[in-house]
mmCIF file of all heavy atoms, coordinates in Angstrom:
data_MODEL
# 
_entry.id   MODEL 
# 
loop_
_atom_site.group_PDB 
_atom_site.id 
_atom_site.type_symbol 
_atom_site.label_atom_id 
_atom_site.label_alt_id 
_atom_site.label_comp_id 
_atom_site.label_asym_id 
_atom_site.label_entity_id 
_atom_site.label_seq_id 
_atom_site.pdbx_PDB_ins_code 
_atom_site.Cartn_x 
_atom_site.Cartn_y 
_atom_site.Cartn_z 
_atom_site.occupancy 
_atom_site.B_iso_or_equiv 
_atom_site.pdbx_formal_charge 
_atom_site.auth_seq_id 
_atom_site.auth_comp_id 
_atom_site.auth_asym_id 
_atom_site.auth_atom_id 
_atom_site.pdbx_PDB_model_num 
ATOM 1   N N   . TRP A 1 1  ? 94.072  125.438 110.882 1.00 0.00 ? 1  TRP A N   1 
ATOM 2   C CA  . TRP A 1 1  ? 94.776  126.496 111.601 1.00 0.00 ? 1  TRP A CA  1 
ATOM 3   C C   . TRP A 1 1  ? 94.079  127.846 111.404 1.00 0.00 ? 1  TRP A C   1 
ATOM 4   O O   . TRP A 1 1  ? 93.992  128.646 112.339 1.00 0.00 ? 1  TRP A O   1 
ATOM 5   C CB  . TRP A 1 1  ? 96.216  126.551 111.128 1.00 0.00 ? 1  TRP A CB  1 
ATOM 6   C CG  . TRP A 1 1  ? 97.056  127.577 111.821 1.00 0.00 ? 1  TRP A CG  1 
ATOM 7   C CD1 . TRP A 1 1  ? 97.478  128.762 111.327 1.00 0.00 ? 1  TRP A CD1 1 
ATOM 8   C CD2 . TRP A 1 1  ? 97.568  127.509 113.151 1.00 0.00 ? 1  TRP A CD2 1 
ATOM 9   N NE1 . TRP A 1 1  ? 98.229  129.442 112.250 1.00 0.00 ? 1  TRP A NE1 1 
ATOM 10  C CE2 . TRP A 1 1  ? 98.302  128.694 113.397 1.00 0.00 ? 1  TRP A CE2 1 
ATOM 11  C CE3 . TRP A 1 1  ? 97.494  126.555 114.165 1.00 0.00 ? 1  TRP A CE3 1 
ATOM 12  C CZ2 . TRP A 1 1  ? 98.939  128.936 114.602 1.00 0.00 ? 1  TRP A CZ2 1 
ATOM 13  C CZ3 . TRP A 1 1  ? 98.140  126.809 115.378 1.00 0.00 ? 1  TRP A CZ3 1 
ATOM 14  C CH2 . TRP A 1 1  ? 98.857  127.987 115.577 1.00 0.00 ? 1  TRP A CH2 1 
ATOM 15  N N   . ASN A 1 2  ? 93.587  128.125 110.211 1.00 0.00 ? 2  ASN A N   1 
ATOM 16  C CA  . ASN A 1 2  ? 92.929  129.398 109.949 1.00 0.00 ? 2  ASN A CA  1 
ATOM 17  C C   . ASN A 1 2  ? 91.508  129.441 110.505 1.00 0.00 ? 2  ASN A C   1 
ATOM 18  O O   . ASN A 1 2  ? 91.029  130.512 110.897 1.00 0.00 ? 2  ASN A O   1 
ATOM 19  C CB  . ASN A 1 2  ? 92.879  129.659 108.436 1.00 0.00 ? 2  ASN A CB  1 
ATOM 20  C CG  . ASN A 1 2  ? 94.249  129.874 107.844 1.00 0.00 ? 2  ASN A CG  1 
ATOM 21  O OD1 . ASN A 1 2  ? 95.149  130.382 108.513 1.00 0.00 ? 2  ASN A OD1 1 
ATOM 22  N ND2 . ASN A 1 2  ? 94.437  129.477 106.589 1.00 0.00 ? 2  ASN A ND2 1 
ATOM 23  N N   . THR A 1 3  ? 90.825  128.307 110.544 1.00 0.00 ? 3  THR A N   1 
ATOM 24  C CA  . THR A 1 3  ? 89.433  128.281 110.993 1.00 0.00 ? 3  THR A CA  1 
ATOM 25  C C   . THR A 1 3  ? 89.336  128.242 112.510 1.00 0.00 ? 3  THR A C   1 
ATOM 26  O O   . THR A 1 3  ? 88.435  128.846 113.099 1.00 0.00 ? 3  THR A O   1 
ATOM 27  C CB  . THR A 1 3  ? 88.704  127.070 110.393 1.00 0.00 ? 3  THR A CB  1 
ATOM 28  O OG1 . THR A 1 3  ? 88.873  127.077 108.968 1.00 0.00 ? 3  THR A OG1 1 
ATOM 29  C CG2 . THR A 1 3  ? 87.217  127.124 110.704 1.00 0.00 ? 3  THR A CG2 1 
ATOM 30  N N   . PHE A 1 4  ? 90.245  127.541 113.151 1.00 0.00 ? 4  PHE A N   1 
ATOM 31  C CA  . PHE A 1 4  ? 90.225  127.401 114.618 1.00 0.00 ? 4  PHE A CA  1 
ATOM 32  C C   . PHE A 1 4  ? 91.557  127.891 115.181 1.00 0.00 ? 4  PHE A C   1 
ATOM 33  O O   . PHE A 1 4  ? 92.378  127.093 115.652 1.00 0.00 ? 4  PHE A O   1 
ATOM 34  C CB  . PHE A 1 4  ? 89.983  125.942 115.014 1.00 0.00 ? 4  PHE A CB  1 
ATOM 35  C CG  . PHE A 1 4  ? 88.815  125.305 114.320 1.00 0.00 ? 4  PHE A CG  1 
ATOM 36  C CD1 . PHE A 1 4  ? 89.015  124.419 113.264 1.00 0.00 ? 4  PHE A CD1 1 
ATOM 37  C CD2 . PHE A 1 4  ? 87.519  125.589 114.705 1.00 0.00 ? 4  PHE A CD2 1 
ATOM 38  C CE1 . PHE A 1 4  ? 87.949  123.829 112.631 1.00 0.00 ? 4  PHE A CE1 1 
ATOM 39  C CE2 . PHE A 1 4  ? 86.437  125.007 114.066 1.00 0.00 ? 4  PHE A CE2 1 
ATOM 40  C CZ  . PHE A 1 4  ? 86.649  124.129 113.021 1.00 0.00 ? 4  PHE A CZ  1 
ATOM 41  N N   . PRO A 1 5  ? 91.800  129.202 115.117 1.00 0.00 ? 5  PRO A N   1 
ATOM 42  C CA  . PRO A 1 5  ? 93.111  129.707 115.565 1.00 0.00 ? 5  PRO A CA  1 
ATOM 43  C C   . PRO A 1 5  ? 93.325  129.580 117.068 1.00 0.00 ? 5  PRO A C   1 
ATOM 44  O O   . PRO A 1 5  ? 94.468  129.579 117.522 1.00 0.00 ? 5  PRO A O   1 
ATOM 45  C CB  . PRO A 1 5  ? 93.081  131.182 115.127 1.00 0.00 ? 5  PRO A CB  1 
ATOM 46  C CG  . PRO A 1 5  ? 91.624  131.524 115.072 1.00 0.00 ? 5  PRO A CG  1 
ATOM 47  C CD  . PRO A 1 5  ? 90.915  130.285 114.650 1.00 0.00 ? 5  PRO A CD  1 
ATOM 48  N N   . ASN A 1 6  ? 92.251  129.466 117.840 1.00 0.00 ? 6  ASN A N   1 
ATOM 49  C CA  . ASN A 1 6  ? 92.393  129.377 119.300 1.00 0.00 ? 6  ASN A CA  1 
ATOM 50  C C   . ASN A 1 6  ? 92.674  127.961 119.781 1.00 0.00 ? 6  ASN A C   1 
ATOM 51  O O   . ASN A 1 6  ? 92.975  127.770 120.960 1.00 0.00 ? 6  ASN A O   1 
ATOM 52  C CB  . ASN A 1 6  ? 91.125  129.897 119.976 1.00 0.00 ? 6  ASN A CB  1 
ATOM 53  C CG  . ASN A 1 6  ? 90.872  131.370 119.679 1.00 0.00 ? 6  ASN A CG  1 
ATOM 54  O OD1 . ASN A 1 6  ? 91.813  132.141 119.528 1.00 0.00 ? 6  ASN A OD1 1 
ATOM 55  N ND2 . ASN A 1 6  ? 89.609  131.759 119.584 1.00 0.00 ? 6  ASN A ND2 1 
ATOM 56  N N   . LEU A 1 7  ? 92.541  126.979 118.905 1.00 0.00 ? 7  LEU A N   1 
ATOM 57  C CA  . LEU A 1 7  ? 92.791  125.594 119.290 1.00 0.00 ? 7  LEU A CA  1 
ATOM 58  C C   . LEU A 1 7  ? 94.234  125.220 118.998 1.00 0.00 ? 7  LEU A C   1 
ATOM 59  O O   . LEU A 1 7  ? 94.904  125.828 118.165 1.00 0.00 ? 7  LEU A O   1 
ATOM 60  C CB  . LEU A 1 7  ? 91.850  124.651 118.533 1.00 0.00 ? 7  LEU A CB  1 
ATOM 61  C CG  . LEU A 1 7  ? 90.346  124.846 118.790 1.00 0.00 ? 7  LEU A CG  1 
ATOM 62  C CD1 . LEU A 1 7  ? 89.541  123.847 117.971 1.00 0.00 ? 7  LEU A CD1 1 
ATOM 63  C CD2 . LEU A 1 7  ? 90.025  124.693 120.272 1.00 0.00 ? 7  LEU A CD2 1 
ATOM 64  N N   . GLN A 1 8  ? 94.682  124.210 119.694 1.00 0.00 ? 8  GLN A N   1 
ATOM 65  C CA  . GLN A 1 8  ? 96.049  123.729 119.479 1.00 0.00 ? 8  GLN A CA  1 
ATOM 66  C C   . GLN A 1 8  ? 96.133  123.007 118.140 1.00 0.00 ? 8  GLN A C   1 
ATOM 67  O O   . GLN A 1 8  ? 95.234  122.244 117.765 1.00 0.00 ? 8  GLN A O   1 
ATOM 68  C CB  . GLN A 1 8  ? 96.451  122.789 120.608 1.00 0.00 ? 8  GLN A CB  1 
ATOM 69  C CG  . GLN A 1 8  ? 97.899  122.323 120.530 1.00 0.00 ? 8  GLN A CG  1 
ATOM 70  C CD  . GLN A 1 8  ? 98.260  121.443 121.704 1.00 0.00 ? 8  GLN A CD  1 
ATOM 71  O OE1 . GLN A 1 8  ? 97.428  121.155 122.555 1.00 0.00 ? 8  GLN A OE1 1 
ATOM 72  N NE2 . GLN A 1 8  ? 99.521  121.015 121.747 1.00 0.00 ? 8  GLN A NE2 1 
ATOM 73  N N   . GLU A 1 9  ? 97.191  123.250 117.413 1.00 0.00 ? 9  GLU A N   1 
ATOM 74  C CA  . GLU A 1 9  ? 97.361  122.619 116.114 1.00 0.00 ? 9  GLU A CA  1 
ATOM 75  C C   . GLU A 1 9  ? 97.482  121.114 116.286 1.00 0.00 ? 9  GLU A C   1 
ATOM 76  O O   . GLU A 1 9  ? 98.166  120.643 117.204 1.00 0.00 ? 9  GLU A O   1 
ATOM 77  C CB  . GLU A 1 9  ? 98.607  123.162 115.423 1.00 0.00 ? 9  GLU A CB  1 
ATOM 78  C CG  . GLU A 1 9  ? 98.764  122.677 113.994 1.00 0.00 ? 9  GLU A CG  1 
ATOM 79  C CD  . GLU A 1 9  ? 99.950  123.313 113.306 1.00 0.00 ? 9  GLU A CD  1 
ATOM 80  O OE1 . GLU A 1 9  ? 100.633 124.122 113.968 1.00 0.00 ? 9  GLU A OE1 1 
ATOM 81  O OE2 . GLU A 1 9  ? 100.191 123.005 112.125 1.00 0.00 ? 9  GLU A OE2 1 
ATOM 82  N N   . PRO A 1 10 ? 96.803  120.341 115.434 1.00 0.00 ? 10 PRO A N   1 
ATOM 83  C CA  . PRO A 1 10 ? 96.861  118.884 115.575 1.00 0.00 ? 10 PRO A CA  1 
ATOM 84  C C   . PRO A 1 10 ? 98.282  118.361 115.472 1.00 0.00 ? 10 PRO A C   1 
ATOM 85  O O   . PRO A 1 10 ? 99.129  118.899 114.759 1.00 0.00 ? 10 PRO A O   1 
ATOM 86  C CB  . PRO A 1 10 ? 96.001  118.381 114.399 1.00 0.00 ? 10 PRO A CB  1 
ATOM 87  C CG  . PRO A 1 10 ? 95.130  119.533 114.049 1.00 0.00 ? 10 PRO A CG  1 
ATOM 88  C CD  . PRO A 1 10 ? 95.920  120.770 114.353 1.00 0.00 ? 10 PRO A CD  1 
ATOM 89  N N   . ALA A 1 11 ? 98.528  117.302 116.206 1.00 0.00 ? 11 ALA A N   1 
ATOM 90  C CA  . ALA A 1 11 ? 99.854  116.686 116.181 1.00 0.00 ? 11 ALA A CA  1 
ATOM 91  C C   . ALA A 1 11 ? 100.070 115.958 114.861 1.00 0.00 ? 11 ALA A C   1 
ATOM 92  O O   . ALA A 1 11 ? 99.169  115.837 114.030 1.00 0.00 ? 11 ALA A O   1 
ATOM 93  C CB  . ALA A 1 11 ? 100.002 115.727 117.363 1.00 0.00 ? 11 ALA A CB  1 
ATOM 94  N N   . GLU A 1 12 ? 101.266 115.461 114.698 1.00 0.00 ? 12 GLU A N   1 
ATOM 95  C CA  . GLU A 1 12 ? 101.611 114.780 113.456 1.00 0.00 ? 12 GLU A CA  1 
ATOM 96  C C   . GLU A 1 12 ? 100.936 113.427 113.311 1.00 0.00 ? 12 GLU A C   1 
ATOM 97  O O   . GLU A 1 12 ? 100.960 112.830 112.243 1.00 0.00 ? 12 GLU A O   1 
ATOM 98  C CB  . GLU A 1 12 ? 103.128 114.600 113.381 1.00 0.00 ? 12 GLU A CB  1 
ATOM 99  C CG  . GLU A 1 12 ? 103.884 115.878 113.136 1.00 0.00 ? 12 GLU A CG  1 
ATOM 100 C CD  . GLU A 1 12 ? 103.545 116.501 111.796 1.00 0.00 ? 12 GLU A CD  1 
ATOM 101 O OE1 . GLU A 1 12 ? 103.232 115.761 110.844 1.00 0.00 ? 12 GLU A OE1 1 
ATOM 102 O OE2 . GLU A 1 12 ? 103.596 117.736 111.689 1.00 0.00 ? 12 GLU A OE2 1 
ATOM 103 N N   . GLY A 1 13 ? 100.292 112.932 114.359 1.00 0.00 ? 13 GLY A N   1 
ATOM 104 C CA  . GLY A 1 13 ? 99.584  111.666 114.247 1.00 0.00 ? 13 GLY A CA  1 
ATOM 105 C C   . GLY A 1 13 ? 100.402 110.509 114.795 1.00 0.00 ? 13 GLY A C   1 
ATOM 106 O O   . GLY A 1 13 ? 101.623 110.611 114.989 1.00 0.00 ? 13 GLY A O   1 
ATOM 107 N N   . PRO A 1 14 ? 99.730  109.390 115.027 1.00 0.00 ? 14 PRO A N   1 
ATOM 108 C CA  . PRO A 1 14 ? 100.443 108.236 115.606 1.00 0.00 ? 14 PRO A CA  1 
ATOM 109 C C   . PRO A 1 14 ? 101.396 107.601 114.608 1.00 0.00 ? 14 PRO A C   1 
ATOM 110 O O   . PRO A 1 14 ? 101.233 107.688 113.401 1.00 0.00 ? 14 PRO A O   1 
ATOM 111 C CB  . PRO A 1 14 ? 99.283  107.269 115.942 1.00 0.00 ? 14 PRO A CB  1 
ATOM 112 C CG  . PRO A 1 14 ? 98.189  107.644 114.990 1.00 0.00 ? 14 PRO A CG  1 
ATOM 113 C CD  . PRO A 1 14 ? 98.318  109.132 114.777 1.00 0.00 ? 14 PRO A CD  1 
ATOM 114 N N   . THR A 1 15 ? 102.384 106.940 115.156 1.00 0.00 ? 15 THR A N   1 
ATOM 115 C CA  . THR A 1 15 ? 103.355 106.235 114.328 1.00 0.00 ? 15 THR A CA  1 
ATOM 116 C C   . THR A 1 15 ? 102.784 104.885 113.917 1.00 0.00 ? 15 THR A C   1 
ATOM 117 O O   . THR A 1 15 ? 102.296 104.114 114.759 1.00 0.00 ? 15 THR A O   1 
ATOM 118 C CB  . THR A 1 15 ? 104.666 106.040 115.099 1.00 0.00 ? 15 THR A CB  1 
ATOM 119 O OG1 . THR A 1 15 ? 105.152 107.319 115.500 1.00 0.00 ? 15 THR A OG1 1 
ATOM 120 C CG2 . THR A 1 15 ? 105.697 105.347 114.237 1.00 0.00 ? 15 THR A CG2 1 
ATOM 121 N N   . VAL A 1 16 ? 102.827 104.609 112.628 1.00 0.00 ? 16 VAL A N   1 
ATOM 122 C CA  . VAL A 1 16 ? 102.297 103.360 112.108 1.00 0.00 ? 16 VAL A CA  1 
ATOM 123 C C   . VAL A 1 16 ? 103.401 102.307 112.171 1.00 0.00 ? 16 VAL A C   1 
ATOM 124 O O   . VAL A 1 16 ? 104.511 102.498 111.661 1.00 0.00 ? 16 VAL A O   1 
ATOM 125 C CB  . VAL A 1 16 ? 101.792 103.529 110.656 1.00 0.00 ? 16 VAL A CB  1 
ATOM 126 C CG1 . VAL A 1 16 ? 101.267 102.198 110.111 1.00 0.00 ? 16 VAL A CG1 1 
ATOM 127 C CG2 . VAL A 1 16 ? 100.716 104.595 110.614 1.00 0.00 ? 16 VAL A CG2 1 
ATOM 128 N N   . LEU A 1 17 ? 103.094 101.187 112.825 1.00 0.00 ? 17 LEU A N   1 
ATOM 129 C CA  . LEU A 1 17 ? 104.075 100.125 112.990 1.00 0.00 ? 17 LEU A CA  1 
ATOM 130 C C   . LEU A 1 17 ? 104.218 99.336  111.692 1.00 0.00 ? 17 LEU A C   1 
ATOM 131 O O   . LEU A 1 17 ? 103.266 99.160  110.937 1.00 0.00 ? 17 LEU A O   1 
ATOM 132 C CB  . LEU A 1 17 ? 103.649 99.196  114.137 1.00 0.00 ? 17 LEU A CB  1 
ATOM 133 C CG  . LEU A 1 17 ? 103.524 99.862  115.523 1.00 0.00 ? 17 LEU A CG  1 
ATOM 134 C CD1 . LEU A 1 17 ? 103.044 98.841  116.550 1.00 0.00 ? 17 LEU A CD1 1 
ATOM 135 C CD2 . LEU A 1 17 ? 104.847 100.476 115.955 1.00 0.00 ? 17 LEU A CD2 1 
ATOM 136 N N   . GLU A 1 18 ? 105.405 98.844  111.470 1.00 0.00 ? 18 GLU A N   1 
ATOM 137 C CA  . GLU A 1 18 ? 105.689 98.032  110.288 1.00 0.00 ? 18 GLU A CA  1 
ATOM 138 C C   . GLU A 1 18 ? 105.052 96.657  110.461 1.00 0.00 ? 18 GLU A C   1 
ATOM 139 O O   . GLU A 1 18 ? 105.255 95.980  111.481 1.00 0.00 ? 18 GLU A O   1 
ATOM 140 C CB  . GLU A 1 18 ? 107.200 97.897  110.108 1.00 0.00 ? 18 GLU A CB  1 
ATOM 141 C CG  . GLU A 1 18 ? 107.606 97.314  108.783 1.00 0.00 ? 18 GLU A CG  1 
ATOM 142 C CD  . GLU A 1 18 ? 107.445 98.303  107.649 1.00 0.00 ? 18 GLU A CD  1 
ATOM 143 O OE1 . GLU A 1 18 ? 107.402 99.518  107.928 1.00 0.00 ? 18 GLU A OE1 1 
ATOM 144 O OE2 . GLU A 1 18 ? 107.372 97.864  106.484 1.00 0.00 ? 18 GLU A OE2 1 
ATOM 145 N N   . PRO A 1 19 ? 104.238 96.208  109.494 1.00 0.00 ? 19 PRO A N   1 
ATOM 146 C CA  . PRO A 1 19 ? 103.601 94.900  109.632 1.00 0.00 ? 19 PRO A CA  1 
ATOM 147 C C   . PRO A 1 19 ? 104.620 93.775  109.452 1.00 0.00 ? 19 PRO A C   1 
ATOM 148 O O   . PRO A 1 19 ? 105.721 93.984  108.940 1.00 0.00 ? 19 PRO A O   1 
ATOM 149 C CB  . PRO A 1 19 ? 102.575 94.900  108.495 1.00 0.00 ? 19 PRO A CB  1 
ATOM 150 C CG  . PRO A 1 19 ? 103.146 95.797  107.464 1.00 0.00 ? 19 PRO A CG  1 
ATOM 151 C CD  . PRO A 1 19 ? 103.887 96.852  108.227 1.00 0.00 ? 19 PRO A CD  1 
ATOM 152 N N   . PRO A 1 20 ? 104.271 92.583  109.872 1.00 0.00 ? 20 PRO A N   1 
ATOM 153 C CA  . PRO A 1 20 ? 105.189 91.442  109.686 1.00 0.00 ? 20 PRO A CA  1 
ATOM 154 C C   . PRO A 1 20 ? 105.348 91.121  108.204 1.00 0.00 ? 20 PRO A C   1 
ATOM 155 O O   . PRO A 1 20 ? 104.551 91.570  107.372 1.00 0.00 ? 20 PRO A O   1 
ATOM 156 C CB  . PRO A 1 20 ? 104.483 90.303  110.435 1.00 0.00 ? 20 PRO A CB  1 
ATOM 157 C CG  . PRO A 1 20 ? 103.041 90.704  110.494 1.00 0.00 ? 20 PRO A CG  1 
ATOM 158 C CD  . PRO A 1 20 ? 103.039 92.197  110.564 1.00 0.00 ? 20 PRO A CD  1 
ATOM 159 N N   . PRO A 1 21 ? 106.373 90.383  107.850 1.00 0.00 ? 21 PRO A N   1 
ATOM 160 C CA  . PRO A 1 21 ? 106.589 90.020  106.430 1.00 0.00 ? 21 PRO A CA  1 
ATOM 161 C C   . PRO A 1 21 ? 105.369 89.311  105.849 1.00 0.00 ? 21 PRO A C   1 
ATOM 162 O O   . PRO A 1 21 ? 104.669 88.552  106.534 1.00 0.00 ? 21 PRO A O   1 
ATOM 163 C CB  . PRO A 1 21 ? 107.816 89.101  106.488 1.00 0.00 ? 21 PRO A CB  1 
ATOM 164 C CG  . PRO A 1 21 ? 108.502 89.449  107.756 1.00 0.00 ? 21 PRO A CG  1 
ATOM 165 C CD  . PRO A 1 21 ? 107.435 89.855  108.726 1.00 0.00 ? 21 PRO A CD  1 
ATOM 166 N N   . GLN A 1 22 ? 105.115 89.596  104.574 1.00 0.00 ? 22 GLN A N   1 
ATOM 167 C CA  . GLN A 1 22 ? 103.954 89.046  103.889 1.00 0.00 ? 22 GLN A CA  1 
ATOM 168 C C   . GLN A 1 22 ? 104.406 88.323  102.625 1.00 0.00 ? 22 GLN A C   1 
ATOM 169 O O   . GLN A 1 22 ? 105.349 88.751  101.952 1.00 0.00 ? 22 GLN A O   1 
ATOM 170 C CB  . GLN A 1 22 ? 102.961 90.162  103.512 1.00 0.00 ? 22 GLN A CB  1 
ATOM 171 C CG  . GLN A 1 22 ? 102.408 90.919  104.697 1.00 0.00 ? 22 GLN A CG  1 
ATOM 172 C CD  . GLN A 1 22 ? 101.586 92.132  104.256 1.00 0.00 ? 22 GLN A CD  1 
ATOM 173 O OE1 . GLN A 1 22 ? 101.809 92.688  103.190 1.00 0.00 ? 22 GLN A OE1 1 
ATOM 174 N NE2 . GLN A 1 22 ? 100.666 92.535  105.113 1.00 0.00 ? 22 GLN A NE2 1 
ATOM 175 N N   . ASN A 1 23 ? 103.696 87.245  102.299 1.00 0.00 ? 23 ASN A N   1 
ATOM 176 C CA  . ASN A 1 23 ? 103.960 86.584  101.031 1.00 0.00 ? 23 ASN A CA  1 
ATOM 177 C C   . ASN A 1 23 ? 103.198 87.302  99.914  1.00 0.00 ? 23 ASN A C   1 
ATOM 178 O O   . ASN A 1 23 ? 102.495 88.294  100.172 1.00 0.00 ? 23 ASN A O   1 
ATOM 179 C CB  . ASN A 1 23 ? 103.595 85.098  101.097 1.00 0.00 ? 23 ASN A CB  1 
ATOM 180 C CG  . ASN A 1 23 ? 102.134 84.886  101.499 1.00 0.00 ? 23 ASN A CG  1 
ATOM 181 O OD1 . ASN A 1 23 ? 101.263 85.669  101.112 1.00 0.00 ? 23 ASN A OD1 1 
ATOM 182 N ND2 . ASN A 1 23 ? 101.879 83.841  102.268 1.00 0.00 ? 23 ASN A ND2 1 
ATOM 183 N N   . ILE A 1 24 ? 103.325 86.809  98.695  1.00 0.00 ? 24 ILE A N   1 
ATOM 184 C CA  . ILE A 1 24 ? 102.721 87.509  97.558  1.00 0.00 ? 24 ILE A CA  1 
ATOM 185 C C   . ILE A 1 24 ? 101.204 87.557  97.684  1.00 0.00 ? 24 ILE A C   1 
ATOM 186 O O   . ILE A 1 24 ? 100.573 88.596  97.424  1.00 0.00 ? 24 ILE A O   1 
ATOM 187 C CB  . ILE A 1 24 ? 103.152 86.836  96.243  1.00 0.00 ? 24 ILE A CB  1 
ATOM 188 C CG1 . ILE A 1 24 ? 104.659 87.001  96.038  1.00 0.00 ? 24 ILE A CG1 1 
ATOM 189 C CG2 . ILE A 1 24 ? 102.401 87.431  95.062  1.00 0.00 ? 24 ILE A CG2 1 
ATOM 190 C CD1 . ILE A 1 24 ? 105.181 86.334  94.771  1.00 0.00 ? 24 ILE A CD1 1 
ATOM 191 N N   . PHE A 1 25 ? 100.608 86.464  98.102  1.00 0.00 ? 25 PHE A N   1 
ATOM 192 C CA  . PHE A 1 25 ? 99.154  86.450  98.260  1.00 0.00 ? 25 PHE A CA  1 
ATOM 193 C C   . PHE A 1 25 ? 98.721  87.469  99.305  1.00 0.00 ? 25 PHE A C   1 
ATOM 194 O O   . PHE A 1 25 ? 97.753  88.221  99.107  1.00 0.00 ? 25 PHE A O   1 
ATOM 195 C CB  . PHE A 1 25 ? 98.694  85.036  98.625  1.00 0.00 ? 25 PHE A CB  1 
ATOM 196 C CG  . PHE A 1 25 ? 97.215  84.939  98.873  1.00 0.00 ? 25 PHE A CG  1 
ATOM 197 C CD1 . PHE A 1 25 ? 96.318  84.887  97.818  1.00 0.00 ? 25 PHE A CD1 1 
ATOM 198 C CD2 . PHE A 1 25 ? 96.723  84.916  100.175 1.00 0.00 ? 25 PHE A CD2 1 
ATOM 199 C CE1 . PHE A 1 25 ? 94.952  84.812  98.049  1.00 0.00 ? 25 PHE A CE1 1 
ATOM 200 C CE2 . PHE A 1 25 ? 95.363  84.835  100.414 1.00 0.00 ? 25 PHE A CE2 1 
ATOM 201 C CZ  . PHE A 1 25 ? 94.467  84.780  99.344  1.00 0.00 ? 25 PHE A CZ  1 
# 
């Protein structure tokens, strides 16, 4: 924000989807 004040502030980023259930291995 301080270095590139003329650019739009980056968004919060993509939403990470929950992976399917995993076993211990």
